[in-house]
Amino acid sequence: MRLPETYKETLIYKQLEVLDDAESLSKVNQMIKIVTPYLDLIGRDAFDNFTIHHARHSINLMGYASEIIPKETMERLSCVEIMILIYAFYIHDIGMAVSYRDCDAIYKSEDFRVFIETHSEFSDKINDLDKRYQDGVIQPEVDLYKKFLYQTALTGYIRPQHADIKRYKEVVNQILETDPTLFHYKGTSFLDELLLICNIIISANKNYVTF
């Protein structure tokens, strides 16, 4: 199948246009505009070796959904149902969005220090590198490998919790500073339901690295 170039080319978005509901269209467009920069953060330090998880990934999912959902079912979906589907395609990986500032804060945190110390696959190698540096090994070589170890440890630290409701809410709270009503439709919040769906998506695919 040919994947769409933009989210507006997907059948699921076009179905929302057919329903001609100004609020749902406006909210979806606004959500994608706000969330895309967060998705672009995914891959900094922690997830650069994983399947892409930025906005292109979300557009691909919308394209797949457009092919998988039967035409009759698609035509029966309400505005809010389509909204929540599209939101989930964009929000489900948002917990992996960490800025350079976030990474630096994690590296300096007590929780991360404990994580390193309790995972010998990292602590043993880091201690060995420190010893080699003291023994006169060229510093750039040691620093490069040490950086790789810390990045790999960061992946192991973040990934298990990135789909936790708590982690979702940490990022969503930042998003709400831009638009407090982004997760509302006709005055009613659907945020709790959305985060539950996102949590289920990740939990169902926890053994795969593509989601």
N, C-alpha and C. Protein backbone atom coordinates (compact mmCIF):
# COMPACT_ATOMS: atom_id res chain seq x y z
N MET A 1 0.83 -1.19 0.00
CA MET A 1 0.00 0.00 0.00
C MET A 1 0.87 1.25 0.00
N ARG A 2 0.36 2.31 -0.60
CA ARG A 2 1.08 3.58 -0.62
C ARG A 2 0.67 4.39 0.60
N LEU A 3 1.64 4.71 1.44
CA LEU A 3 1.34 5.49 2.64
C LEU A 3 1.17 6.96 2.27
N PRO A 4 0.26 7.66 2.94
CA PRO A 4 0.01 9.07 2.62
C PRO A 4 1.20 9.95 3.00
N GLU A 5 1.33 11.04 2.30
CA GLU A 5 2.40 11.99 2.59
C GLU A 5 2.07 12.86 3.79
N THR A 6 0.78 13.19 3.93
CA THR A 6 0.35 14.03 5.06
C THR A 6 -0.88 13.40 5.71
N TYR A 7 -1.16 13.80 6.93
CA TYR A 7 -2.32 13.24 7.63
C TYR A 7 -3.63 13.60 6.95
N LYS A 8 -3.65 14.72 6.24
CA LYS A 8 -4.89 15.16 5.58
C LYS A 8 -5.23 14.30 4.38
N GLU A 9 -4.27 13.50 3.91
CA GLU A 9 -4.51 12.60 2.77
C GLU A 9 -5.11 11.27 3.20
N THR A 10 -5.13 10.99 4.52
CA THR A 10 -5.62 9.70 4.99
C THR A 10 -7.14 9.63 4.91
N LEU A 11 -7.64 8.42 4.69
CA LEU A 11 -9.09 8.24 4.59
C LEU A 11 -9.80 8.57 5.89
N ILE A 12 -9.13 8.28 7.01
CA ILE A 12 -9.77 8.53 8.31
C ILE A 12 -9.94 10.03 8.54
N TYR A 13 -8.96 10.83 8.11
CA TYR A 13 -9.12 12.29 8.24
C TYR A 13 -10.18 12.80 7.27
N LYS A 14 -10.17 12.25 6.06
CA LYS A 14 -11.16 12.68 5.07
C LYS A 14 -12.58 12.35 5.53
N GLN A 15 -12.72 11.23 6.26
CA GLN A 15 -14.04 10.90 6.79
C GLN A 15 -14.49 11.94 7.82
N LEU A 16 -13.53 12.44 8.59
CA LEU A 16 -13.86 13.50 9.56
C LEU A 16 -14.31 14.75 8.81
N GLU A 17 -13.67 15.03 7.68
CA GLU A 17 -14.07 16.18 6.86
C GLU A 17 -15.49 15.99 6.32
N VAL A 18 -15.82 14.75 5.94
CA VAL A 18 -17.16 14.45 5.42
C VAL A 18 -18.23 14.78 6.47
N LEU A 19 -17.92 14.49 7.73
CA LEU A 19 -18.88 14.76 8.81
C LEU A 19 -19.07 16.25 9.04
N ASP A 20 -18.13 17.04 8.55
CA ASP A 20 -18.27 18.51 8.54
C ASP A 20 -18.59 19.09 9.91
N ASP A 21 -17.78 18.65 10.90
CA ASP A 21 -17.94 19.16 12.26
C ASP A 21 -16.77 20.10 12.55
N ALA A 22 -17.04 21.37 12.63
CA ALA A 22 -15.98 22.37 12.73
C ALA A 22 -15.10 22.17 13.97
N GLU A 23 -15.72 21.85 15.10
CA GLU A 23 -14.94 21.72 16.33
C GLU A 23 -13.97 20.55 16.26
N SER A 24 -14.43 19.38 15.82
CA SER A 24 -13.55 18.22 15.79
C SER A 24 -12.39 18.42 14.81
N LEU A 25 -12.67 19.01 13.65
CA LEU A 25 -11.60 19.27 12.68
C LEU A 25 -10.59 20.26 13.24
N SER A 26 -11.10 21.31 13.86
CA SER A 26 -10.22 22.32 14.44
C SER A 26 -9.34 21.72 15.53
N LYS A 27 -9.94 20.89 16.39
CA LYS A 27 -9.20 20.28 17.50
C LYS A 27 -8.11 19.33 16.98
N VAL A 28 -8.45 18.52 16.00
CA VAL A 28 -7.48 17.57 15.44
C VAL A 28 -6.30 18.32 14.81
N ASN A 29 -6.59 19.34 14.03
CA ASN A 29 -5.52 20.11 13.40
C ASN A 29 -4.65 20.81 14.44
N GLN A 30 -5.28 21.34 15.46
CA GLN A 30 -4.54 22.01 16.53
C GLN A 30 -3.69 21.03 17.31
N MET A 31 -4.26 19.86 17.61
CA MET A 31 -3.52 18.84 18.35
C MET A 31 -2.26 18.43 17.59
N ILE A 32 -2.40 18.16 16.29
CA ILE A 32 -1.25 17.72 15.49
C ILE A 32 -0.19 18.82 15.44
N LYS A 33 -0.63 20.06 15.32
CA LYS A 33 0.32 21.18 15.30
C LYS A 33 1.10 21.28 16.60
N ILE A 34 0.42 21.08 17.72
CA ILE A 34 1.07 21.20 19.03
C ILE A 34 1.94 19.99 19.36
N VAL A 35 1.44 18.80 19.03
CA VAL A 35 2.11 17.56 19.44
C VAL A 35 3.33 17.23 18.57
N THR A 36 3.31 17.62 17.30
CA THR A 36 4.40 17.26 16.39
C THR A 36 5.78 17.64 16.92
N PRO A 37 6.00 18.84 17.46
CA PRO A 37 7.33 19.16 18.01
C PRO A 37 7.75 18.22 19.15
N TYR A 38 6.78 17.75 19.93
CA TYR A 38 7.11 16.80 20.99
C TYR A 38 7.57 15.47 20.39
N LEU A 39 6.87 15.02 19.35
CA LEU A 39 7.24 13.77 18.70
C LEU A 39 8.63 13.87 18.05
N ASP A 40 8.95 15.07 17.58
CA ASP A 40 10.27 15.27 16.96
C ASP A 40 11.41 15.12 17.96
N LEU A 41 11.08 15.20 19.26
CA LEU A 41 12.11 15.02 20.29
C LEU A 41 12.49 13.55 20.45
N ILE A 42 11.59 12.64 20.03
CA ILE A 42 11.85 11.21 20.20
C ILE A 42 13.02 10.81 19.31
N GLY A 43 14.01 10.18 19.92
CA GLY A 43 15.22 9.82 19.18
C GLY A 43 16.43 10.56 19.70
N ARG A 44 16.21 11.53 20.57
CA ARG A 44 17.34 12.23 21.17
C ARG A 44 17.90 11.40 22.32
N ASP A 45 19.09 10.93 22.17
CA ASP A 45 19.81 10.14 23.17
C ASP A 45 19.20 8.77 23.38
N ALA A 46 17.92 8.70 23.73
CA ALA A 46 17.38 7.43 24.21
C ALA A 46 16.89 6.49 23.11
N PHE A 47 16.31 7.01 22.03
CA PHE A 47 15.62 6.13 21.10
C PHE A 47 16.07 6.31 19.65
N ASP A 48 17.32 6.72 19.45
CA ASP A 48 17.76 6.98 18.08
C ASP A 48 17.94 5.72 17.26
N ASN A 49 18.00 4.55 17.89
CA ASN A 49 18.14 3.30 17.15
C ASN A 49 16.82 2.55 17.00
N PHE A 50 15.73 3.16 17.41
CA PHE A 50 14.42 2.52 17.32
C PHE A 50 13.71 2.94 16.04
N THR A 51 12.63 2.19 15.72
CA THR A 51 11.76 2.60 14.62
C THR A 51 11.34 4.06 14.85
N ILE A 52 11.22 4.81 13.75
CA ILE A 52 10.86 6.22 13.89
C ILE A 52 9.57 6.37 14.68
N HIS A 53 9.54 7.34 15.56
CA HIS A 53 8.35 7.58 16.36
C HIS A 53 7.90 9.04 16.28
N HIS A 54 8.43 9.77 15.31
CA HIS A 54 7.99 11.15 15.19
C HIS A 54 6.70 11.20 14.36
N ALA A 55 6.34 12.38 13.87
CA ALA A 55 5.04 12.56 13.23
C ALA A 55 4.84 11.65 12.02
N ARG A 56 5.91 11.30 11.33
CA ARG A 56 5.80 10.39 10.19
C ARG A 56 5.21 9.05 10.62
N HIS A 57 5.61 8.58 11.80
CA HIS A 57 5.09 7.33 12.35
C HIS A 57 3.57 7.43 12.56
N SER A 58 3.12 8.56 13.09
CA SER A 58 1.69 8.76 13.34
C SER A 58 0.90 8.80 12.04
N ILE A 59 1.44 9.46 11.03
CA ILE A 59 0.78 9.52 9.72
C ILE A 59 0.69 8.11 9.13
N ASN A 60 1.76 7.33 9.28
CA ASN A 60 1.73 5.95 8.79
C ASN A 60 0.62 5.15 9.45
N LEU A 61 0.48 5.33 10.78
CA LEU A 61 -0.57 4.60 11.50
C LEU A 61 -1.95 5.01 11.02
N MET A 62 -2.13 6.29 10.75
CA MET A 62 -3.41 6.75 10.21
C MET A 62 -3.67 6.12 8.85
N GLY A 63 -2.60 5.96 8.06
CA GLY A 63 -2.74 5.33 6.76
C GLY A 63 -3.11 3.86 6.88
N TYR A 64 -2.45 3.16 7.81
CA TYR A 64 -2.77 1.74 8.03
C TYR A 64 -4.21 1.58 8.51
N ALA A 65 -4.62 2.43 9.45
CA ALA A 65 -5.97 2.36 9.99
C ALA A 65 -7.00 2.59 8.89
N SER A 66 -6.68 3.49 7.98
CA SER A 66 -7.60 3.78 6.88
C SER A 66 -7.82 2.57 5.99
N GLU A 67 -6.79 1.72 5.90
CA GLU A 67 -6.89 0.52 5.09
C GLU A 67 -7.55 -0.64 5.85
N ILE A 68 -7.31 -0.68 7.16
CA ILE A 68 -7.79 -1.81 7.97
C ILE A 68 -9.26 -1.68 8.33
N ILE A 69 -9.70 -0.47 8.68
CA ILE A 69 -11.09 -0.27 9.11
C ILE A 69 -12.02 -0.39 7.89
N PRO A 70 -12.97 -1.30 7.94
CA PRO A 70 -13.90 -1.47 6.81
C PRO A 70 -14.64 -0.16 6.50
N LYS A 71 -14.94 0.04 5.24
CA LYS A 71 -15.62 1.26 4.80
C LYS A 71 -16.93 1.49 5.56
N GLU A 72 -17.69 0.40 5.76
CA GLU A 72 -18.98 0.54 6.44
C GLU A 72 -18.78 0.99 7.89
N THR A 73 -17.73 0.45 8.53
CA THR A 73 -17.45 0.84 9.91
C THR A 73 -16.99 2.29 9.97
N MET A 74 -16.09 2.66 9.05
CA MET A 74 -15.59 4.02 9.01
C MET A 74 -16.74 5.01 8.89
N GLU A 75 -17.71 4.70 8.07
CA GLU A 75 -18.82 5.63 7.83
C GLU A 75 -19.76 5.72 9.02
N ARG A 76 -19.67 4.77 9.95
CA ARG A 76 -20.53 4.80 11.13
C ARG A 76 -19.87 5.49 12.32
N LEU A 77 -18.59 5.78 12.21
CA LEU A 77 -17.87 6.41 13.31
C LEU A 77 -18.35 7.85 13.51
N SER A 78 -18.46 8.24 14.77
CA SER A 78 -18.85 9.62 15.08
C SER A 78 -17.62 10.53 15.05
N CYS A 79 -17.87 11.81 15.13
CA CYS A 79 -16.77 12.79 15.16
C CYS A 79 -15.81 12.51 16.31
N VAL A 80 -16.36 12.31 17.49
CA VAL A 80 -15.50 12.13 18.66
C VAL A 80 -14.74 10.81 18.59
N GLU A 81 -15.33 9.78 18.00
CA GLU A 81 -14.64 8.50 17.85
C GLU A 81 -13.44 8.65 16.91
N ILE A 82 -13.63 9.36 15.82
CA ILE A 82 -12.52 9.59 14.88
C ILE A 82 -11.47 10.47 15.54
N MET A 83 -11.91 11.48 16.26
CA MET A 83 -10.98 12.35 16.99
C MET A 83 -10.07 11.53 17.90
N ILE A 84 -10.68 10.67 18.71
CA ILE A 84 -9.91 9.90 19.69
C ILE A 84 -8.95 8.95 18.99
N LEU A 85 -9.37 8.36 17.87
CA LEU A 85 -8.47 7.50 17.11
C LEU A 85 -7.25 8.28 16.64
N ILE A 86 -7.49 9.43 16.03
CA ILE A 86 -6.38 10.23 15.51
C ILE A 86 -5.49 10.72 16.65
N TYR A 87 -6.10 11.16 17.74
CA TYR A 87 -5.33 11.59 18.91
C TYR A 87 -4.44 10.44 19.40
N ALA A 88 -4.99 9.23 19.46
CA ALA A 88 -4.23 8.08 19.96
C ALA A 88 -3.04 7.79 19.06
N PHE A 89 -3.20 7.94 17.75
CA PHE A 89 -2.08 7.70 16.83
C PHE A 89 -0.94 8.68 17.09
N TYR A 90 -1.26 9.86 17.57
CA TYR A 90 -0.23 10.87 17.82
C TYR A 90 0.28 10.86 19.27
N ILE A 91 -0.58 10.48 20.20
CA ILE A 91 -0.23 10.61 21.62
C ILE A 91 0.43 9.35 22.19
N HIS A 92 0.21 8.18 21.61
CA HIS A 92 0.58 6.93 22.28
C HIS A 92 2.07 6.80 22.59
N ASP A 93 2.93 7.46 21.82
CA ASP A 93 4.37 7.39 22.07
C ASP A 93 4.93 8.66 22.70
N ILE A 94 4.05 9.57 23.09
CA ILE A 94 4.49 10.88 23.57
C ILE A 94 5.35 10.78 24.83
N GLY A 95 5.20 9.68 25.58
CA GLY A 95 6.00 9.50 26.79
C GLY A 95 7.49 9.34 26.52
N MET A 96 7.85 9.05 25.26
CA MET A 96 9.25 8.93 24.90
C MET A 96 9.87 10.26 24.48
N ALA A 97 9.06 11.30 24.48
CA ALA A 97 9.56 12.62 24.07
C ALA A 97 10.35 13.25 25.21
N VAL A 98 11.64 13.27 25.07
CA VAL A 98 12.50 13.87 26.10
C VAL A 98 13.44 14.88 25.44
N SER A 99 13.45 16.08 25.95
CA SER A 99 14.33 17.12 25.43
C SER A 99 15.74 16.91 25.97
N TYR A 100 16.70 17.68 25.45
CA TYR A 100 18.06 17.61 25.98
C TYR A 100 18.06 17.97 27.46
N ARG A 101 17.22 18.93 27.84
CA ARG A 101 17.12 19.32 29.25
C ARG A 101 16.59 18.16 30.08
N ASP A 102 15.56 17.45 29.53
CA ASP A 102 15.00 16.29 30.24
C ASP A 102 16.07 15.22 30.43
N CYS A 103 16.82 14.94 29.36
CA CYS A 103 17.87 13.92 29.42
C CYS A 103 18.90 14.28 30.48
N ASP A 104 19.31 15.54 30.48
CA ASP A 104 20.31 15.98 31.45
C ASP A 104 19.80 15.82 32.87
N ALA A 105 18.51 16.17 33.09
CA ALA A 105 17.92 16.03 34.42
C ALA A 105 17.86 14.57 34.85
N ILE A 106 17.53 13.68 33.91
CA ILE A 106 17.48 12.26 34.23
C ILE A 106 18.86 11.74 34.58
N TYR A 107 19.84 12.11 33.78
CA TYR A 107 21.22 11.66 34.04
C TYR A 107 21.68 12.06 35.45
N LYS A 108 21.22 13.20 35.92
CA LYS A 108 21.66 13.71 37.22
C LYS A 108 20.78 13.23 38.38
N SER A 109 19.70 12.55 38.06
CA SER A 109 18.73 12.18 39.10
C SER A 109 19.20 10.99 39.93
N GLU A 110 18.70 10.92 41.15
CA GLU A 110 19.01 9.81 42.05
C GLU A 110 18.41 8.51 41.51
N ASP A 111 17.21 8.58 40.94
CA ASP A 111 16.56 7.38 40.39
C ASP A 111 17.42 6.75 39.30
N PHE A 112 17.99 7.58 38.44
CA PHE A 112 18.81 7.04 37.35
C PHE A 112 20.11 6.45 37.90
N ARG A 113 20.67 7.10 38.91
CA ARG A 113 21.89 6.57 39.53
C ARG A 113 21.62 5.18 40.10
N VAL A 114 20.48 5.05 40.77
CA VAL A 114 20.11 3.74 41.34
C VAL A 114 19.88 2.73 40.22
N PHE A 115 19.24 3.18 39.14
CA PHE A 115 19.00 2.29 38.00
C PHE A 115 20.32 1.74 37.46
N ILE A 116 21.30 2.60 37.30
CA ILE A 116 22.61 2.16 36.80
C ILE A 116 23.24 1.16 37.76
N GLU A 117 23.22 1.50 39.05
CA GLU A 117 23.87 0.66 40.05
C GLU A 117 23.22 -0.73 40.16
N THR A 118 21.93 -0.79 39.89
CA THR A 118 21.22 -2.06 40.04
C THR A 118 21.13 -2.86 38.73
N HIS A 119 21.77 -2.35 37.69
CA HIS A 119 21.82 -3.07 36.42
C HIS A 119 23.29 -3.25 36.05
N SER A 120 23.78 -4.43 36.36
CA SER A 120 25.22 -4.70 36.21
C SER A 120 25.70 -4.61 34.77
N GLU A 121 24.78 -4.82 33.81
CA GLU A 121 25.21 -4.72 32.40
C GLU A 121 25.69 -3.31 32.07
N PHE A 122 25.29 -2.34 32.87
CA PHE A 122 25.77 -0.97 32.69
C PHE A 122 26.85 -0.62 33.72
N SER A 123 26.56 -0.87 34.98
CA SER A 123 27.49 -0.46 36.04
C SER A 123 28.85 -1.13 35.92
N ASP A 124 28.89 -2.42 35.59
CA ASP A 124 30.17 -3.13 35.47
C ASP A 124 31.01 -2.54 34.35
N LYS A 125 30.37 -2.25 33.23
CA LYS A 125 31.12 -1.70 32.08
C LYS A 125 31.59 -0.28 32.36
N ILE A 126 30.74 0.52 33.01
CA ILE A 126 31.12 1.90 33.33
C ILE A 126 32.28 1.91 34.32
N ASN A 127 32.21 1.06 35.34
CA ASN A 127 33.31 0.97 36.31
C ASN A 127 34.60 0.52 35.63
N ASP A 128 34.48 -0.40 34.69
CA ASP A 128 35.66 -0.87 33.95
C ASP A 128 36.26 0.25 33.12
N LEU A 129 35.41 1.07 32.49
CA LEU A 129 35.90 2.19 31.70
C LEU A 129 36.60 3.21 32.58
N ASP A 130 36.03 3.47 33.75
CA ASP A 130 36.67 4.40 34.68
C ASP A 130 38.06 3.91 35.08
N LYS A 131 38.19 2.61 35.28
CA LYS A 131 39.47 2.02 35.66
C LYS A 131 40.47 2.13 34.50
N ARG A 132 39.98 1.87 33.29
CA ARG A 132 40.86 1.96 32.12
C ARG A 132 41.36 3.39 31.91
N TYR A 133 40.48 4.36 32.19
CA TYR A 133 40.90 5.75 32.06
C TYR A 133 42.00 6.07 33.06
N GLN A 134 41.85 5.58 34.27
CA GLN A 134 42.88 5.79 35.29
C GLN A 134 44.19 5.10 34.92
N ASP A 135 44.08 4.03 34.12
CA ASP A 135 45.27 3.30 33.70
C ASP A 135 45.93 3.90 32.47
N GLY A 136 45.37 5.01 31.98
CA GLY A 136 46.03 5.72 30.89
C GLY A 136 45.44 5.51 29.52
N VAL A 137 44.24 4.93 29.42
CA VAL A 137 43.58 4.77 28.13
C VAL A 137 43.22 6.16 27.59
N ILE A 138 43.33 6.34 26.28
CA ILE A 138 43.03 7.64 25.67
C ILE A 138 41.61 8.07 26.04
N GLN A 139 41.48 9.25 26.58
CA GLN A 139 40.20 9.71 27.12
C GLN A 139 39.07 9.75 26.10
N PRO A 140 39.27 10.28 24.86
CA PRO A 140 38.15 10.33 23.92
C PRO A 140 37.54 8.95 23.65
N GLU A 141 38.36 7.93 23.57
CA GLU A 141 37.85 6.58 23.32
C GLU A 141 36.95 6.12 24.47
N VAL A 142 37.41 6.37 25.70
CA VAL A 142 36.64 6.00 26.89
C VAL A 142 35.36 6.81 26.97
N ASP A 143 35.46 8.11 26.74
CA ASP A 143 34.29 8.98 26.83
C ASP A 143 33.21 8.59 25.82
N LEU A 144 33.62 8.23 24.59
CA LEU A 144 32.67 7.86 23.56
C LEU A 144 31.90 6.60 23.95
N TYR A 145 32.60 5.59 24.44
CA TYR A 145 31.94 4.35 24.82
C TYR A 145 31.07 4.57 26.06
N LYS A 146 31.55 5.41 26.97
CA LYS A 146 30.79 5.69 28.18
C LYS A 146 29.48 6.41 27.82
N LYS A 147 29.56 7.34 26.88
CA LYS A 147 28.36 8.04 26.42
C LYS A 147 27.36 7.05 25.83
N PHE A 148 27.86 6.11 25.04
CA PHE A 148 26.99 5.10 24.44
C PHE A 148 26.31 4.27 25.53
N LEU A 149 27.04 3.89 26.56
CA LEU A 149 26.47 3.11 27.65
C LEU A 149 25.37 3.88 28.38
N TYR A 150 25.63 5.17 28.63
CA TYR A 150 24.62 5.98 29.32
C TYR A 150 23.37 6.16 28.45
N GLN A 151 23.55 6.33 27.14
CA GLN A 151 22.40 6.46 26.26
C GLN A 151 21.58 5.17 26.23
N THR A 152 22.28 4.03 26.19
CA THR A 152 21.60 2.75 26.20
C THR A 152 20.86 2.55 27.52
N ALA A 153 21.49 2.95 28.61
CA ALA A 153 20.84 2.85 29.93
C ALA A 153 19.62 3.76 29.99
N LEU A 154 19.71 4.94 29.37
CA LEU A 154 18.58 5.87 29.35
C LEU A 154 17.38 5.24 28.64
N THR A 155 17.66 4.53 27.55
CA THR A 155 16.60 3.83 26.85
C THR A 155 15.93 2.81 27.77
N GLY A 156 16.75 2.04 28.46
CA GLY A 156 16.22 1.03 29.38
C GLY A 156 15.46 1.64 30.54
N TYR A 157 15.86 2.84 30.93
CA TYR A 157 15.21 3.53 32.05
C TYR A 157 13.85 4.10 31.64
N ILE A 158 13.78 4.71 30.46
CA ILE A 158 12.57 5.41 30.04
C ILE A 158 11.53 4.46 29.45
N ARG A 159 11.97 3.53 28.61
CA ARG A 159 11.00 2.75 27.83
C ARG A 159 9.95 2.02 28.67
N PRO A 160 10.30 1.37 29.78
CA PRO A 160 9.26 0.66 30.55
C PRO A 160 8.18 1.57 31.13
N GLN A 161 8.50 2.85 31.31
CA GLN A 161 7.53 3.75 31.95
C GLN A 161 6.90 4.74 30.97
N HIS A 162 7.29 4.68 29.67
CA HIS A 162 6.84 5.74 28.76
C HIS A 162 5.34 5.68 28.48
N ALA A 163 4.72 4.51 28.71
CA ALA A 163 3.28 4.40 28.48
C ALA A 163 2.48 4.37 29.78
N ASP A 164 3.15 4.64 30.88
CA ASP A 164 2.42 4.74 32.14
C ASP A 164 1.52 5.98 32.11
N ILE A 165 0.37 5.88 32.73
CA ILE A 165 -0.54 7.02 32.78
C ILE A 165 0.16 8.22 33.40
N LYS A 166 0.97 7.98 34.43
CA LYS A 166 1.69 9.07 35.09
C LYS A 166 2.60 9.80 34.10
N ARG A 167 3.35 9.02 33.30
CA ARG A 167 4.27 9.63 32.33
C ARG A 167 3.48 10.38 31.25
N TYR A 168 2.39 9.78 30.78
CA TYR A 168 1.56 10.48 29.80
C TYR A 168 1.12 11.84 30.34
N LYS A 169 0.68 11.85 31.59
CA LYS A 169 0.15 13.09 32.16
C LYS A 169 1.24 14.15 32.32
N GLU A 170 2.47 13.72 32.57
CA GLU A 170 3.58 14.67 32.68
C GLU A 170 3.73 15.46 31.39
N VAL A 171 3.67 14.75 30.25
CA VAL A 171 3.83 15.42 28.96
C VAL A 171 2.55 16.17 28.58
N VAL A 172 1.41 15.55 28.83
CA VAL A 172 0.13 16.18 28.49
C VAL A 172 -0.04 17.50 29.24
N ASN A 173 0.42 17.54 30.48
CA ASN A 173 0.32 18.79 31.25
C ASN A 173 1.10 19.92 30.59
N GLN A 174 2.21 19.58 29.94
CA GLN A 174 2.96 20.59 29.20
C GLN A 174 2.16 21.05 27.98
N ILE A 175 1.52 20.10 27.31
CA ILE A 175 0.71 20.41 26.14
C ILE A 175 -0.47 21.30 26.52
N LEU A 176 -1.07 21.02 27.67
CA LEU A 176 -2.24 21.79 28.11
C LEU A 176 -1.91 23.24 28.39
N GLU A 177 -0.63 23.55 28.62
CA GLU A 177 -0.24 24.94 28.82
C GLU A 177 -0.45 25.74 27.54
N THR A 178 -0.37 25.05 26.40
CA THR A 178 -0.59 25.71 25.11
C THR A 178 -2.07 25.86 24.80
N ASP A 179 -2.85 24.79 25.11
CA ASP A 179 -4.29 24.82 24.84
C ASP A 179 -5.00 23.96 25.88
N PRO A 180 -5.57 24.58 26.92
CA PRO A 180 -6.21 23.84 28.01
C PRO A 180 -7.43 23.02 27.58
N THR A 181 -8.00 23.33 26.42
CA THR A 181 -9.21 22.62 25.98
C THR A 181 -8.92 21.61 24.87
N LEU A 182 -7.67 21.30 24.64
CA LEU A 182 -7.29 20.46 23.50
C LEU A 182 -7.90 19.06 23.59
N PHE A 183 -8.11 18.58 24.82
CA PHE A 183 -8.66 17.23 25.00
C PHE A 183 -10.13 17.28 25.43
N HIS A 184 -10.85 18.26 24.91
CA HIS A 184 -12.27 18.41 25.19
C HIS A 184 -13.05 18.41 23.87
N TYR A 185 -14.27 17.90 23.94
CA TYR A 185 -15.18 18.00 22.79
C TYR A 185 -16.54 18.43 23.34
N LYS A 186 -17.02 19.53 22.84
CA LYS A 186 -18.28 20.12 23.32
C LYS A 186 -18.29 20.27 24.84
N GLY A 187 -17.14 20.71 25.36
CA GLY A 187 -17.02 21.00 26.78
C GLY A 187 -16.74 19.83 27.68
N THR A 188 -16.66 18.63 27.14
CA THR A 188 -16.42 17.42 27.94
C THR A 188 -15.04 16.84 27.63
N SER A 189 -14.28 16.55 28.69
CA SER A 189 -12.93 16.01 28.51
C SER A 189 -12.99 14.52 28.15
N PHE A 190 -12.15 14.13 27.19
CA PHE A 190 -11.99 12.72 26.86
C PHE A 190 -10.55 12.26 27.14
N LEU A 191 -9.82 13.05 27.95
CA LEU A 191 -8.40 12.77 28.19
C LEU A 191 -8.19 11.42 28.88
N ASP A 192 -8.96 11.14 29.92
CA ASP A 192 -8.77 9.88 30.66
C ASP A 192 -8.98 8.68 29.74
N GLU A 193 -10.02 8.73 28.92
CA GLU A 193 -10.30 7.64 28.00
C GLU A 193 -9.18 7.51 26.96
N LEU A 194 -8.69 8.64 26.48
CA LEU A 194 -7.61 8.63 25.49
C LEU A 194 -6.34 7.99 26.05
N LEU A 195 -5.95 8.40 27.26
CA LEU A 195 -4.74 7.86 27.86
C LEU A 195 -4.86 6.37 28.15
N LEU A 196 -6.07 5.94 28.51
CA LEU A 196 -6.30 4.51 28.73
C LEU A 196 -6.11 3.74 27.42
N ILE A 197 -6.64 4.27 26.33
CA ILE A 197 -6.48 3.64 25.02
C ILE A 197 -5.00 3.57 24.64
N CYS A 198 -4.28 4.67 24.85
CA CYS A 198 -2.85 4.70 24.54
C CYS A 198 -2.09 3.67 25.36
N ASN A 199 -2.43 3.58 26.64
CA ASN A 199 -1.79 2.61 27.53
C ASN A 199 -2.04 1.19 27.05
N ILE A 200 -3.26 0.92 26.59
CA ILE A 200 -3.61 -0.41 26.09
C ILE A 200 -2.84 -0.72 24.80
N ILE A 201 -2.72 0.28 23.92
CA ILE A 201 -1.97 0.10 22.67
C ILE A 201 -0.55 -0.35 22.95
N ILE A 202 0.12 0.37 23.87
CA ILE A 202 1.51 0.04 24.18
C ILE A 202 1.60 -1.29 24.91
N SER A 203 0.71 -1.53 25.85
CA SER A 203 0.74 -2.78 26.61
C SER A 203 0.55 -3.99 25.70
N ALA A 204 -0.30 -3.85 24.71
CA ALA A 204 -0.57 -4.95 23.79
C ALA A 204 0.62 -5.24 22.89
N ASN A 205 1.50 -4.24 22.74
CA ASN A 205 2.66 -4.39 21.85
C ASN A 205 3.97 -4.28 22.60
N LYS A 206 3.97 -4.57 23.90
CA LYS A 206 5.16 -4.35 24.72
C LYS A 206 6.34 -5.22 24.33
N ASN A 207 6.09 -6.31 23.60
CA ASN A 207 7.18 -7.18 23.19
C ASN A 207 7.76 -6.81 21.83
N TYR A 208 7.25 -5.71 21.27
CA TYR A 208 7.72 -5.27 19.96
C TYR A 208 8.36 -3.89 20.08
N VAL A 209 9.37 -3.62 19.25
CA VAL A 209 10.08 -2.35 19.33
C VAL A 209 9.59 -1.36 18.27
N THR A 210 8.56 -1.72 17.51
CA THR A 210 8.10 -0.84 16.46
C THR A 210 7.01 0.13 16.93
N PHE A 211 6.46 -0.08 18.16
CA PHE A 211 5.42 0.81 18.67
C PHE A 211 5.95 1.57 19.86
